[in-house]
Amino acid sequence: AAAVAALEGAQDFLGERIAQFRARRNYIVPALDALDGV
């Protein structure tokens, strides 16, 4: 029943969540890449 609501309900919240993930990605990847040997 919850999955029905997820798939049929509003999807606009996904944009904000993806923006949060993008900001985290843009921080963590350069930080890892800067580690010596990584």
Full PDB file with SEQRES, HELIX, SHEET, SSBOND, CRYST1, ORIGX, SCALE, CONECT and MASTER records, all heavy atoms in Angstrom:
SEQRES   1 A   38  ALA ALA ALA VAL ALA ALA LEU GLU GLY ALA GLN ASP PHE          
SEQRES   2 A   38  LEU GLY GLU ARG ILE ALA GLN PHE ARG ALA ARG ARG ASN          
SEQRES   3 A   38  TYR ILE VAL PRO ALA LEU ASP ALA LEU ASP GLY VAL              
HELIX    1 AA1 ALA A    2  GLU A    8  1                                   7    
HELIX    2 AA2 PHE A   13  ASP A   33  1                                  21    
CRYST1    1.000    1.000    1.000  90.00  90.00  90.00 P 1           1          
ORIGX1      1.000000  0.000000  0.000000        0.00000                         
ORIGX2      0.000000  1.000000  0.000000        0.00000                         
ORIGX3      0.000000  0.000000  1.000000        0.00000                         
SCALE1      1.000000  0.000000  0.000000        0.00000                         
SCALE2      0.000000  1.000000  0.000000        0.00000                         
SCALE3      0.000000  0.000000  1.000000        0.00000                         
ATOM      1  N   ALA A   1       0.836  -1.207   0.000  1.00  0.00           N  
ATOM      2  CA  ALA A   1       0.000   0.000   0.000  1.00  0.00           C  
ATOM      3  C   ALA A   1       0.870   1.256   0.000  1.00  0.00           C  
ATOM      4  O   ALA A   1       0.570   2.242  -0.687  1.00  0.00           O  
ATOM      5  CB  ALA A   1      -0.931  -0.008   1.203  1.00  0.00           C  
ATOM      6  N   ALA A   2       1.957   1.227   0.762  1.00  0.00           N  
ATOM      7  CA  ALA A   2       2.875   2.366   0.785  1.00  0.00           C  
ATOM      8  C   ALA A   2       3.548   2.551  -0.569  1.00  0.00           C  
ATOM      9  O   ALA A   2       3.763   3.686  -1.024  1.00  0.00           O  
ATOM     10  CB  ALA A   2       3.919   2.163   1.881  1.00  0.00           C  
ATOM     11  N   ALA A   3       3.886   1.442  -1.237  1.00  0.00           N  
ATOM     12  CA  ALA A   3       4.534   1.532  -2.541  1.00  0.00           C  
ATOM     13  C   ALA A   3       3.599   2.136  -3.583  1.00  0.00           C  
ATOM     14  O   ALA A   3       4.047   2.854  -4.491  1.00  0.00           O  
ATOM     15  CB  ALA A   3       5.013   0.157  -2.986  1.00  0.00           C  
ATOM     16  N   VAL A   4       2.303   1.844  -3.492  1.00  0.00           N  
ATOM     17  CA  VAL A   4       1.341   2.474  -4.393  1.00  0.00           C  
ATOM     18  C   VAL A   4       1.412   3.991  -4.247  1.00  0.00           C  
ATOM     19  O   VAL A   4       1.467   4.741  -5.226  1.00  0.00           O  
ATOM     20  CB  VAL A   4      -0.092   1.975  -4.111  1.00  0.00           C  
ATOM     21  CG1 VAL A   4      -1.112   2.796  -4.894  1.00  0.00           C  
ATOM     22  CG2 VAL A   4      -0.227   0.500  -4.462  1.00  0.00           C  
ATOM     23  N   ALA A   5       1.434   4.467  -2.988  1.00  0.00           N  
ATOM     24  CA  ALA A   5       1.513   5.911  -2.741  1.00  0.00           C  
ATOM     25  C   ALA A   5       2.817   6.486  -3.276  1.00  0.00           C  
ATOM     26  O   ALA A   5       2.844   7.611  -3.808  1.00  0.00           O  
ATOM     27  CB  ALA A   5       1.386   6.182  -1.244  1.00  0.00           C  
ATOM     28  N   ALA A   6       3.909   5.728  -3.135  1.00  0.00           N  
ATOM     29  CA  ALA A   6       5.195   6.211  -3.632  1.00  0.00           C  
ATOM     30  C   ALA A   6       5.165   6.397  -5.142  1.00  0.00           C  
ATOM     31  O   ALA A   6       5.605   7.430  -5.673  1.00  0.00           O  
ATOM     32  CB  ALA A   6       6.299   5.239  -3.240  1.00  0.00           C  
ATOM     33  N   LEU A   7       4.641   5.421  -5.851  1.00  0.00           N  
ATOM     34  CA  LEU A   7       4.677   5.464  -7.313  1.00  0.00           C  
ATOM     35  C   LEU A   7       3.627   6.394  -7.899  1.00  0.00           C  
ATOM     36  O   LEU A   7       3.844   7.001  -8.954  1.00  0.00           O  
ATOM     37  CB  LEU A   7       4.492   4.047  -7.869  1.00  0.00           C  
ATOM     38  CG  LEU A   7       5.607   3.050  -7.529  1.00  0.00           C  
ATOM     39  CD1 LEU A   7       5.269   1.671  -8.055  1.00  0.00           C  
ATOM     40  CD2 LEU A   7       6.948   3.509  -8.055  1.00  0.00           C  
ATOM     41  N   GLU A   8       2.471   6.506  -7.237  1.00  0.00           N  
ATOM     42  CA  GLU A   8       1.397   7.337  -7.773  1.00  0.00           C  
ATOM     43  C   GLU A   8       1.418   8.771  -7.250  1.00  0.00           C  
ATOM     44  O   GLU A   8       0.800   9.657  -7.835  1.00  0.00           O  
ATOM     45  CB  GLU A   8       0.043   6.709  -7.440  1.00  0.00           C  
ATOM     46  CG  GLU A   8      -0.223   5.396  -8.161  1.00  0.00           C  
ATOM     47  CD  GLU A   8      -1.622   4.858  -7.919  1.00  0.00           C  
ATOM     48  OE1 GLU A   8      -2.279   5.301  -6.953  1.00  0.00           O  
ATOM     49  OE2 GLU A   8      -2.043   3.969  -8.684  1.00  0.00           O  
ATOM     50  N   GLY A   9       2.112   8.994  -6.140  1.00  0.00           N  
ATOM     51  CA  GLY A   9       2.109  10.316  -5.520  1.00  0.00           C  
ATOM     52  C   GLY A   9       3.047  11.294  -6.201  1.00  0.00           C  
ATOM     53  O   GLY A   9       3.709  10.993  -7.196  1.00  0.00           O  
ATOM     54  N   ALA A  10       3.127  12.485  -5.628  1.00  0.00           N  
ATOM     55  CA  ALA A  10       3.998  13.530  -6.162  1.00  0.00           C  
ATOM     56  C   ALA A  10       5.454  13.069  -6.161  1.00  0.00           C  
ATOM     57  O   ALA A  10       5.914  12.429  -5.205  1.00  0.00           O  
ATOM     58  CB  ALA A  10       3.846  14.801  -5.332  1.00  0.00           C  
ATOM     59  N   GLN A  11       6.167  13.398  -7.223  1.00  0.00           N  
ATOM     60  CA  GLN A  11       7.572  13.010  -7.368  1.00  0.00           C  
ATOM     61  C   GLN A  11       8.514  14.205  -7.248  1.00  0.00           C  
ATOM     62  O   GLN A  11       9.725  14.058  -7.398  1.00  0.00           O  
ATOM     63  CB  GLN A  11       7.782  12.342  -8.733  1.00  0.00           C  
ATOM     64  CG  GLN A  11       6.829  11.201  -9.049  1.00  0.00           C  
ATOM     65  CD  GLN A  11       7.045   9.974  -8.198  1.00  0.00           C  
ATOM     66  OE1 GLN A  11       8.152   9.455  -8.116  1.00  0.00           O  
ATOM     67  NE2 GLN A  11       5.987   9.497  -7.541  1.00  0.00           N  
ATOM     68  N   ASP A  12       7.962  15.394  -6.954  1.00  0.00           N  
ATOM     69  CA  ASP A  12       8.792  16.596  -6.992  1.00  0.00           C  
ATOM     70  C   ASP A  12       9.865  16.633  -5.912  1.00  0.00           C  
ATOM     71  O   ASP A  12      10.873  17.326  -6.053  1.00  0.00           O  
ATOM     72  CB  ASP A  12       7.927  17.856  -6.918  1.00  0.00           C  
ATOM     73  CG  ASP A  12       6.936  17.840  -5.757  1.00  0.00           C  
ATOM     74  OD1 ASP A  12       6.873  16.824  -5.028  1.00  0.00           O  
ATOM     75  OD2 ASP A  12       6.222  18.848  -5.569  1.00  0.00           O  
ATOM     76  N   PHE A  13       9.672  15.890  -4.817  1.00  0.00           N  
ATOM     77  CA  PHE A  13      10.671  15.876  -3.745  1.00  0.00           C  
ATOM     78  C   PHE A  13      11.986  15.264  -4.216  1.00  0.00           C  
ATOM     79  O   PHE A  13      13.044  15.493  -3.608  1.00  0.00           O  
ATOM     80  CB  PHE A  13      10.137  15.103  -2.535  1.00  0.00           C  
ATOM     81  CG  PHE A  13       9.972  13.625  -2.771  1.00  0.00           C  
ATOM     82  CD1 PHE A  13      10.996  12.748  -2.476  1.00  0.00           C  
ATOM     83  CD2 PHE A  13       8.802  13.127  -3.305  1.00  0.00           C  
ATOM     84  CE1 PHE A  13      10.856  11.392  -2.708  1.00  0.00           C  
ATOM     85  CE2 PHE A  13       8.647  11.770  -3.534  1.00  0.00           C  
ATOM     86  CZ  PHE A  13       9.682  10.901  -3.241  1.00  0.00           C  
ATOM     87  N   LEU A  14      11.935  14.462  -5.288  1.00  0.00           N  
ATOM     88  CA  LEU A  14      13.146  13.795  -5.763  1.00  0.00           C  
ATOM     89  C   LEU A  14      14.212  14.810  -6.195  1.00  0.00           C  
ATOM     90  O   LEU A  14      15.407  14.582  -5.988  1.00  0.00           O  
ATOM     91  CB  LEU A  14      12.815  12.867  -6.932  1.00  0.00           C  
ATOM     92  CG  LEU A  14      12.010  11.609  -6.592  1.00  0.00           C  
ATOM     93  CD1 LEU A  14      11.576  10.898  -7.865  1.00  0.00           C  
ATOM     94  CD2 LEU A  14      12.826  10.680  -5.707  1.00  0.00           C  
ATOM     95  N   GLY A  15      13.791  15.939  -6.763  1.00  0.00           N  
ATOM     96  CA  GLY A  15      14.749  16.938  -7.211  1.00  0.00           C  
ATOM     97  C   GLY A  15      15.600  17.465  -6.079  1.00  0.00           C  
ATOM     98  O   GLY A  15      16.824  17.612  -6.212  1.00  0.00           O  
ATOM     99  N   GLU A  16      14.970  17.748  -4.936  1.00  0.00           N  
ATOM    100  CA  GLU A  16      15.710  18.251  -3.784  1.00  0.00           C  
ATOM    101  C   GLU A  16      16.669  17.202  -3.250  1.00  0.00           C  
ATOM    102  O   GLU A  16      17.810  17.513  -2.874  1.00  0.00           O  
ATOM    103  CB  GLU A  16      14.732  18.677  -2.691  1.00  0.00           C  
ATOM    104  CG  GLU A  16      15.411  19.215  -1.436  1.00  0.00           C  
ATOM    105  CD  GLU A  16      14.412  19.610  -0.354  1.00  0.00           C  
ATOM    106  OE1 GLU A  16      13.205  19.709  -0.670  1.00  0.00           O  
ATOM    107  OE2 GLU A  16      14.844  19.801   0.796  1.00  0.00           O  
ATOM    108  N   ARG A  17      16.233  15.956  -3.227  1.00  0.00           N  
ATOM    109  CA  ARG A  17      17.089  14.897  -2.700  1.00  0.00           C  
ATOM    110  C   ARG A  17      18.296  14.666  -3.606  1.00  0.00           C  
ATOM    111  O   ARG A  17      19.417  14.477  -3.130  1.00  0.00           O  
ATOM    112  CB  ARG A  17      16.280  13.609  -2.539  1.00  0.00           C  
ATOM    113  CG  ARG A  17      15.200  13.760  -1.485  1.00  0.00           C  
ATOM    114  CD  ARG A  17      14.511  12.466  -1.168  1.00  0.00           C  
ATOM    115  NE  ARG A  17      13.614  12.675  -0.016  1.00  0.00           N  
ATOM    116  CZ  ARG A  17      13.167  11.718   0.765  1.00  0.00           C  
ATOM    117  NH1 ARG A  17      13.517  10.468   0.541  1.00  0.00           N  
ATOM    118  NH2 ARG A  17      12.368  11.988   1.782  1.00  0.00           N  
ATOM    119  N   ILE A  18      18.063  14.700  -4.904  1.00  0.00           N  
ATOM    120  CA  ILE A  18      19.172  14.527  -5.838  1.00  0.00           C  
ATOM    121  C   ILE A  18      20.162  15.685  -5.701  1.00  0.00           C  
ATOM    122  O   ILE A  18      21.381  15.487  -5.789  1.00  0.00           O  
ATOM    123  CB  ILE A  18      18.637  14.395  -7.271  1.00  0.00           C  
ATOM    124  CG1 ILE A  18      17.864  13.083  -7.416  1.00  0.00           C  
ATOM    125  CG2 ILE A  18      19.772  14.449  -8.289  1.00  0.00           C  
ATOM    126  CD1 ILE A  18      17.036  12.994  -8.670  1.00  0.00           C  
ATOM    127  N   ALA A  19      19.655  16.887  -5.466  1.00  0.00           N  
ATOM    128  CA  ALA A  19      20.542  18.033  -5.259  1.00  0.00           C  
ATOM    129  C   ALA A  19      21.425  17.831  -4.033  1.00  0.00           C  
ATOM    130  O   ALA A  19      22.615  18.196  -4.036  1.00  0.00           O  
ATOM    131  CB  ALA A  19      19.723  19.318  -5.124  1.00  0.00           C  
ATOM    132  N   GLN A  20      20.858  17.252  -2.974  1.00  0.00           N  
ATOM    133  CA  GLN A  20      21.651  16.953  -1.776  1.00  0.00           C  
ATOM    134  C   GLN A  20      22.740  15.933  -2.094  1.00  0.00           C  
ATOM    135  O   GLN A  20      23.910  16.107  -1.705  1.00  0.00           O  
ATOM    136  CB  GLN A  20      20.752  16.427  -0.667  1.00  0.00           C  
ATOM    137  CG  GLN A  20      19.817  17.454  -0.067  1.00  0.00           C  
ATOM    138  CD  GLN A  20      18.922  16.851   0.999  1.00  0.00           C  
ATOM    139  OE1 GLN A  20      18.749  15.626   1.094  1.00  0.00           O  
ATOM    140  NE2 GLN A  20      18.343  17.700   1.826  1.00  0.00           N  
ATOM    141  N   PHE A  21      22.364  14.866  -2.811  1.00  0.00           N  
ATOM    142  CA  PHE A  21      23.360  13.855  -3.174  1.00  0.00           C  
ATOM    143  C   PHE A  21      24.440  14.461  -4.063  1.00  0.00           C  
ATOM    144  O   PHE A  21      25.628  14.148  -3.923  1.00  0.00           O  
ATOM    145  CB  PHE A  21      22.692  12.684  -3.900  1.00  0.00           C  
ATOM    146  CG  PHE A  21      21.930  11.745  -3.001  1.00  0.00           C  
ATOM    147  CD1 PHE A  21      20.676  11.292  -3.364  1.00  0.00           C  
ATOM    148  CD2 PHE A  21      22.474  11.291  -1.816  1.00  0.00           C  
ATOM    149  CE1 PHE A  21      19.967  10.416  -2.552  1.00  0.00           C  
ATOM    150  CE2 PHE A  21      21.781  10.414  -0.994  1.00  0.00           C  
ATOM    151  CZ  PHE A  21      20.523   9.973  -1.365  1.00  0.00           C  
ATOM    152  N   ARG A  22      24.043  15.328  -4.982  1.00  0.00           N  
ATOM    153  CA  ARG A  22      25.027  15.950  -5.888  1.00  0.00           C  
ATOM    154  C   ARG A  22      26.039  16.780  -5.097  1.00  0.00           C  
ATOM    155  O   ARG A  22      27.247  16.717  -5.362  1.00  0.00           O  
ATOM    156  CB  ARG A  22      24.322  16.819  -6.925  1.00  0.00           C  
ATOM    157  CG  ARG A  22      25.291  17.468  -7.920  1.00  0.00           C  
ATOM    158  CD  ARG A  22      24.587  18.437  -8.853  1.00  0.00           C  
ATOM    159  NE  ARG A  22      23.689  17.761  -9.775  1.00  0.00           N  
ATOM    160  CZ  ARG A  22      22.366  17.798  -9.712  1.00  0.00           C  
ATOM    161  NH1 ARG A  22      21.762  18.513  -8.753  1.00  0.00           N  
ATOM    162  NH2 ARG A  22      21.625  17.169 -10.597  1.00  0.00           N  
ATOM    163  N   ALA A  23      25.556  17.556  -4.123  1.00  0.00           N  
ATOM    164  CA  ALA A  23      26.465  18.366  -3.310  1.00  0.00           C  
ATOM    165  C   ALA A  23      27.434  17.478  -2.534  1.00  0.00           C  
ATOM    166  O   ALA A  23      28.627  17.790  -2.423  1.00  0.00           O  
ATOM    167  CB  ALA A  23      25.657  19.245  -2.358  1.00  0.00           C  
ATOM    168  N   ARG A  24      26.944  16.383  -2.017  1.00  0.00           N  
ATOM    169  CA  ARG A  24      27.820  15.464  -1.276  1.00  0.00           C  
ATOM    170  C   ARG A  24      28.835  14.820  -2.213  1.00  0.00           C  
ATOM    171  O   ARG A  24      30.025  14.692  -1.874  1.00  0.00           O  
ATOM    172  CB  ARG A  24      26.974  14.388  -0.591  1.00  0.00           C  
ATOM    173  CG  ARG A  24      26.009  14.928   0.459  1.00  0.00           C  
ATOM    174  CD  ARG A  24      25.056  13.836   0.909  1.00  0.00           C  
ATOM    175  NE  ARG A  24      24.031  14.344   1.818  1.00  0.00           N  
ATOM    176  CZ  ARG A  24      23.070  13.589   2.333  1.00  0.00           C  
ATOM    177  NH1 ARG A  24      23.002  12.302   2.029  1.00  0.00           N  
ATOM    178  NH2 ARG A  24      22.172  14.111   3.146  1.00  0.00           N  
ATOM    179  N   ARG A  25      28.355  14.390  -3.384  1.00  0.00           N  
ATOM    180  CA  ARG A  25      29.272  13.814  -4.366  1.00  0.00           C  
ATOM    181  C   ARG A  25      30.364  14.800  -4.729  1.00  0.00           C  
ATOM    182  O   ARG A  25      31.560  14.440  -4.808  1.00  0.00           O  
ATOM    183  CB  ARG A  25      28.484  13.425  -5.613  1.00  0.00           C  
ATOM    184  CG  ARG A  25      29.343  12.898  -6.755  1.00  0.00           C  
ATOM    185  CD  ARG A  25      28.638  12.947  -8.090  1.00  0.00           C  
ATOM    186  NE  ARG A  25      28.417  14.309  -8.569  1.00  0.00           N  
ATOM    187  CZ  ARG A  25      28.202  14.625  -9.838  1.00  0.00           C  
ATOM    188  NH1 ARG A  25      28.153  13.682 -10.765  1.00  0.00           N  
ATOM    189  NH2 ARG A  25      27.998  15.890 -10.202  1.00  0.00           N  
ATOM    190  N   ASN A  26      29.969  16.051  -4.959  1.00  0.00           N  
ATOM    191  CA  ASN A  26      30.937  17.056  -5.393  1.00  0.00           C  
ATOM    192  C   ASN A  26      31.941  17.406  -4.301  1.00  0.00           C  
ATOM    193  O   ASN A  26      32.995  17.967  -4.587  1.00  0.00           O  
ATOM    194  CB  ASN A  26      30.207  18.314  -5.854  1.00  0.00           C  
ATOM    195  CG  ASN A  26      29.449  18.093  -7.147  1.00  0.00           C  
ATOM    196  OD1 ASN A  26      29.645  17.075  -7.822  1.00  0.00           O  
ATOM    197  ND2 ASN A  26      28.573  19.018  -7.489  1.00  0.00           N  
ATOM    198  N   TYR A  27      31.613  17.061  -3.062  1.00  0.00           N  
ATOM    199  CA  TYR A  27      32.586  17.231  -1.976  1.00  0.00           C  
ATOM    200  C   TYR A  27      33.478  16.001  -1.828  1.00  0.00           C  
ATOM    201  O   TYR A  27      34.706  16.096  -1.796  1.00  0.00           O  
ATOM    202  CB  TYR A  27      31.884  17.508  -0.639  1.00  0.00           C  
ATOM    203  CG  TYR A  27      32.817  17.308   0.541  1.00  0.00           C  
ATOM    204  CD1 TYR A  27      33.807  18.243   0.823  1.00  0.00           C  
ATOM    205  CD2 TYR A  27      32.757  16.147   1.322  1.00  0.00           C  
ATOM    206  CE1 TYR A  27      34.709  18.040   1.849  1.00  0.00           C  
ATOM    207  CE2 TYR A  27      33.650  15.931   2.357  1.00  0.00           C  
ATOM    208  CZ  TYR A  27      34.625  16.883   2.619  1.00  0.00           C  
ATOM    209  OH  TYR A  27      35.517  16.677   3.643  1.00  0.00           O  
ATOM    210  N   ILE A  28      32.841  14.810  -1.737  1.00  0.00           N  
ATOM    211  CA  ILE A  28      33.585  13.621  -1.322  1.00  0.00           C  
ATOM    212  C   ILE A  28      34.526  13.110  -2.408  1.00  0.00           C  
ATOM    213  O   ILE A  28      35.635  12.652  -2.117  1.00  0.00           O  
ATOM    214  CB  ILE A  28      32.619  12.500  -0.871  1.00  0.00           C  
ATOM    215  CG1 ILE A  28      33.373  11.404  -0.094  1.00  0.00           C  
ATOM    216  CG2 ILE A  28      31.876  11.886  -2.053  1.00  0.00           C  
ATOM    217  CD1 ILE A  28      33.845  11.816   1.260  1.00  0.00           C  
ATOM    218  N   VAL A  29      34.133  13.208  -3.677  1.00  0.00           N  
ATOM    219  CA  VAL A  29      34.977  12.645  -4.731  1.00  0.00           C  
ATOM    220  C   VAL A  29      36.304  13.391  -4.857  1.00  0.00           C  
ATOM    221  O   VAL A  29      37.373  12.765  -4.864  1.00  0.00           O  
ATOM    222  CB  VAL A  29      34.210  12.595  -6.069  1.00  0.00           C  
ATOM    223  CG1 VAL A  29      35.151  12.226  -7.224  1.00  0.00           C  
ATOM    224  CG2 VAL A  29      33.073  11.586  -5.982  1.00  0.00           C  
ATOM    225  N   PRO A  30      36.326  14.736  -4.943  1.00  0.00           N  
ATOM    226  CA  PRO A  30      37.628  15.416  -4.975  1.00  0.00           C  
ATOM    227  C   PRO A  30      38.451  15.177  -3.709  1.00  0.00           C  
ATOM    228  O   PRO A  30      39.686  15.096  -3.774  1.00  0.00           O  
ATOM    229  CB  PRO A  30      37.250  16.893  -5.116  1.00  0.00           C  
ATOM    230  CG  PRO A  30      35.883  16.894  -5.707  1.00  0.00           C  
ATOM    231  CD  PRO A  30      35.220  15.684  -5.132  1.00  0.00           C  
ATOM    232  N   ALA A  31      37.767  15.048  -2.560  1.00  0.00           N  
ATOM    233  CA  ALA A  31      38.499  14.812  -1.315  1.00  0.00           C  
ATOM    234  C   ALA A  31      39.172  13.445  -1.333  1.00  0.00           C  
ATOM    235  O   ALA A  31      40.328  13.303  -0.898  1.00  0.00           O  
ATOM    236  CB  ALA A  31      37.547  14.927  -0.123  1.00  0.00           C  
ATOM    237  N   LEU A  32      38.483  12.440  -1.829  1.00  0.00           N  
ATOM    238  CA  LEU A  32      39.092  11.115  -1.950  1.00  0.00           C  
ATOM    239  C   LEU A  32      40.215  11.125  -2.969  1.00  0.00           C  
ATOM    240  O   LEU A  32      41.280  10.539  -2.754  1.00  0.00           O  
ATOM    241  CB  LEU A  32      38.032  10.086  -2.348  1.00  0.00           C  
ATOM    242  CG  LEU A  32      36.995   9.711  -1.291  1.00  0.00           C  
ATOM    243  CD1 LEU A  32      35.842   8.923  -1.911  1.00  0.00           C  
ATOM    244  CD2 LEU A  32      37.629   8.904  -0.159  1.00  0.00           C  
ATOM    245  N   ASP A  33      39.974  11.798  -4.086  1.00  0.00           N  
ATOM    246  CA  ASP A  33      40.969  11.844  -5.159  1.00  0.00           C  
ATOM    247  C   ASP A  33      42.249  12.541  -4.709  1.00  0.00           C  
ATOM    248  O   ASP A  33      43.334  12.269  -5.244  1.00  0.00           O  
ATOM    249  CB  ASP A  33      40.368  12.558  -6.372  1.00  0.00           C  
ATOM    250  CG  ASP A  33      41.159  12.338  -7.638  1.00  0.00           C  
ATOM    251  OD1 ASP A  33      41.356  11.161  -8.022  1.00  0.00           O  
ATOM    252  OD2 ASP A  33      41.608  13.328  -8.245  1.00  0.00           O  
ATOM    253  N   ALA A  34      42.127  13.416  -3.724  1.00  0.00           N  
ATOM    254  CA  ALA A  34      43.291  14.158  -3.225  1.00  0.00           C  
ATOM    255  C   ALA A  34      44.124  13.343  -2.236  1.00  0.00           C  
ATOM    256  O   ALA A  34      45.256  13.738  -1.915  1.00  0.00           O  
ATOM    257  CB  ALA A  34      42.838  15.459  -2.562  1.00  0.00           C  
ATOM    258  N   LEU A  35      43.599  12.220  -1.740  1.00  0.00           N  
ATOM    259  CA  LEU A  35      44.375  11.393  -0.821  1.00  0.00           C  
ATOM    260  C   LEU A  35      45.588  10.814  -1.535  1.00  0.00           C  
ATOM    261  O   LEU A  35      45.485  10.336  -2.672  1.00  0.00           O  
ATOM    262  CB  LEU A  35      43.518  10.246  -0.277  1.00  0.00           C  
ATOM    263  CG  LEU A  35      42.360  10.607   0.656  1.00  0.00           C  
ATOM    264  CD1 LEU A  35      41.555   9.351   0.992  1.00  0.00           C  
ATOM    265  CD2 LEU A  35      42.873  11.256   1.933  1.00  0.00           C  
ATOM    266  N   ASP A  36      46.712  10.817  -0.887  1.00  0.00           N  
ATOM    267  CA  ASP A  36      47.934  10.260  -1.451  1.00  0.00           C  
ATOM    268  C   ASP A  36      47.732   8.770  -1.708  1.00  0.00           C  
ATOM    269  O   ASP A  36      47.390   8.012  -0.802  1.00  0.00           O  
ATOM    270  CB  ASP A  36      49.094  10.474  -0.482  1.00  0.00           C  
ATOM    271  CG  ASP A  36      50.399   9.926  -1.021  1.00  0.00           C  
ATOM    272  OD1 ASP A  36      50.627  10.027  -2.239  1.00  0.00           O  
ATOM    273  OD2 ASP A  36      51.183   9.371  -0.227  1.00  0.00           O  
ATOM    274  N   GLY A  37      47.930   8.346  -2.970  1.00  0.00           N  
ATOM    275  CA  GLY A  37      47.795   6.934  -3.304  1.00  0.00           C  
ATOM    276  C   GLY A  37      46.411   6.505  -3.729  1.00  0.00           C  
ATOM    277  O   GLY A  37      46.178   5.325  -3.989  1.00  0.00           O  
ATOM    278  N   VAL A  38      45.485   7.465  -3.822  1.00  0.00           N  
ATOM    279  CA  VAL A  38      44.090   7.149  -4.146  1.00  0.00           C  
ATOM    280  C   VAL A  38      43.671   7.956  -5.372  1.00  0.00           C  
ATOM    281  O   VAL A  38      44.091   9.098  -5.545  1.00  0.00           O  
ATOM    282  CB  VAL A  38      43.157   7.475  -2.958  1.00  0.00           C  
ATOM    283  CG1 VAL A  38      41.685   7.280  -3.338  1.00  0.00           C  
ATOM    284  CG2 VAL A  38      43.515   6.610  -1.748  1.00  0.00           C  
TER     285      VAL A  38                                                      
MASTER        0    0    0    2    0    0    0    6  284    1    0    3          
END                                                                             
